[in-house]
Amino acid sequence: MSTEPKPRRGWPLRLAGGLVGLGLTALWFIVTVGLLLDSRLDGAWEHSWIVMALLYFIPLFWLAWKRVAVFGSWPRVAAGAAVLALATAWLAWDDREFEQRITLDDLSPPAGPDAAESHAVTLWYTEGAGRTRRPFQSGKLAVRASPAEKPDEWRAEITRAREEIVAEWEALAPEREWFAAMDAFPAIGDDATGGFDAPLMSFAPFRRVTMIGQARAGLLALEGRGDEAADILIRQLSVSAKLERNSRTLVRSMTAMVGLRNGIGAAEFILRHATVSRAKRDELAAVLRDRDPRKVARRVVWADFINLRAAMLEQPGEVKGLLRSELGAVGSLLSVARPVVFLPRATANTIGRHLERIEAAASAGDLARVKALHTEWTAVLAEGGPKNFGGRFLISLAQPHLTPVVERNWQIEAERLALLEGLNPE
């Protein structure tokens, strides 16, 4: 047996073998994590990158560099590179187009010629470029009971806190001016562009005005001042209805629903405890008449999807940032590999196909079906095997819990129709 040392391979071959080994290791990592995601082992896949690095990443690169592995000749390096290229091309092959063509304009047409101006008014209390946010100091008083859900408890609570409610209602004069400014428009526009960075109306001042205003209206009704109570609720219900009607985000729709649900409950309360004139009854009915729960259901199902789709197509940096923030070091690694782990069109189409089923159930008011479809998101995550596992991870983060919102929509509709019947008895 010869004891002469084998000639050492030149550094170009060792470098090429090492790079191919590194690429195949990364490919193995992507496929393994994708398969672990499919298995849906609770939390296991989130930490698998550490195991992959220890078991495969470092050893395989070392073996390739030391020519002990299969990359000891140029033909073998070429064969490994061909496998790597074909597998990478398969992982990076996205759907040809977005299947769901729905746009924000289809979902919620622009709110007339004043759309931009009215939308700007909704942002008086929102931080943003080119805007000076108006100061808002939330009071300490919290009315915990809801006039829609627990009217008796609500009555007892507002009666005990009468002085604080009257004082805070007076202190909310700037925020009440905000409501008056929004209500001055026949329709209230929303952001026209969409995307992750679209400015949103601040919920805190909206909720404060509606909560304290409804309490003040309840107190006025108990004093027998029904028309004054109705005036407060007419404005609040008008603004809430306009915000909902032209909403382009799930957040704004949910905000409007809070105003509508409790406003309708407060209106029922004042009708039971005070005399309201025919004129004020007609005004209340007018602001509540134009509502289509099926259109509302469609908006709450699709609005955030359209904004997410725009971000995936036009703002890939947002996706990279999301991966880094949620997965730390491995997220930074995956953000570099985004073209092979995250496919924008395939991701959007996977979400869209599922949302089509949810919309059908939500528009029909089939709450049991909506709930069942929500639990099926885990099955949606398993579509595609190791391909596009970054996109499916994004779905797991972005999946909306629509069941409570859909239920609230149909609750509001039933209560709205009951109130309209009470305002206009045969």
Foldseek 3Di string as FASTA:
>chain_A
DDPDDDDADDQVLLVLLLVLLQLVLVLVLLQVLLQVLLVPDPVPSLPCVVVSCVPRNVVSSVCSNRCVDQSVDPVSSVVSVVVSVVSLCVLLDFDPFFPDPDALCNLFNQPPPCAVVLQVLLCCQWDDPPHDRDDDDFDPDDQPDFLLPCVVSSLVSLVVCVVVLVVVLVVCVVLVVSLVSNLVRPAYHADPPFAPPGIDRDLVSLVRLLRSLLSNLLVCLLVQNLAVSLVSLLSLLLNLLRQLNRPLELVSVVSSLVSLSRSLSSNVNSVVRHDHDLVSLVSSLVSLPDDQLLSSLVRNLCRNLNNVLCCVVPPLVVLLVVLCVPSPPVSPVVSVVCSSQAHSSNLSNLSVVLSVQLSVCLSVLNLVSNQVSLVCLSVSQNPDNSRNNSSSVVCVVPPDPCSVVSVSSVVSVVSSVVSNCVSPPD
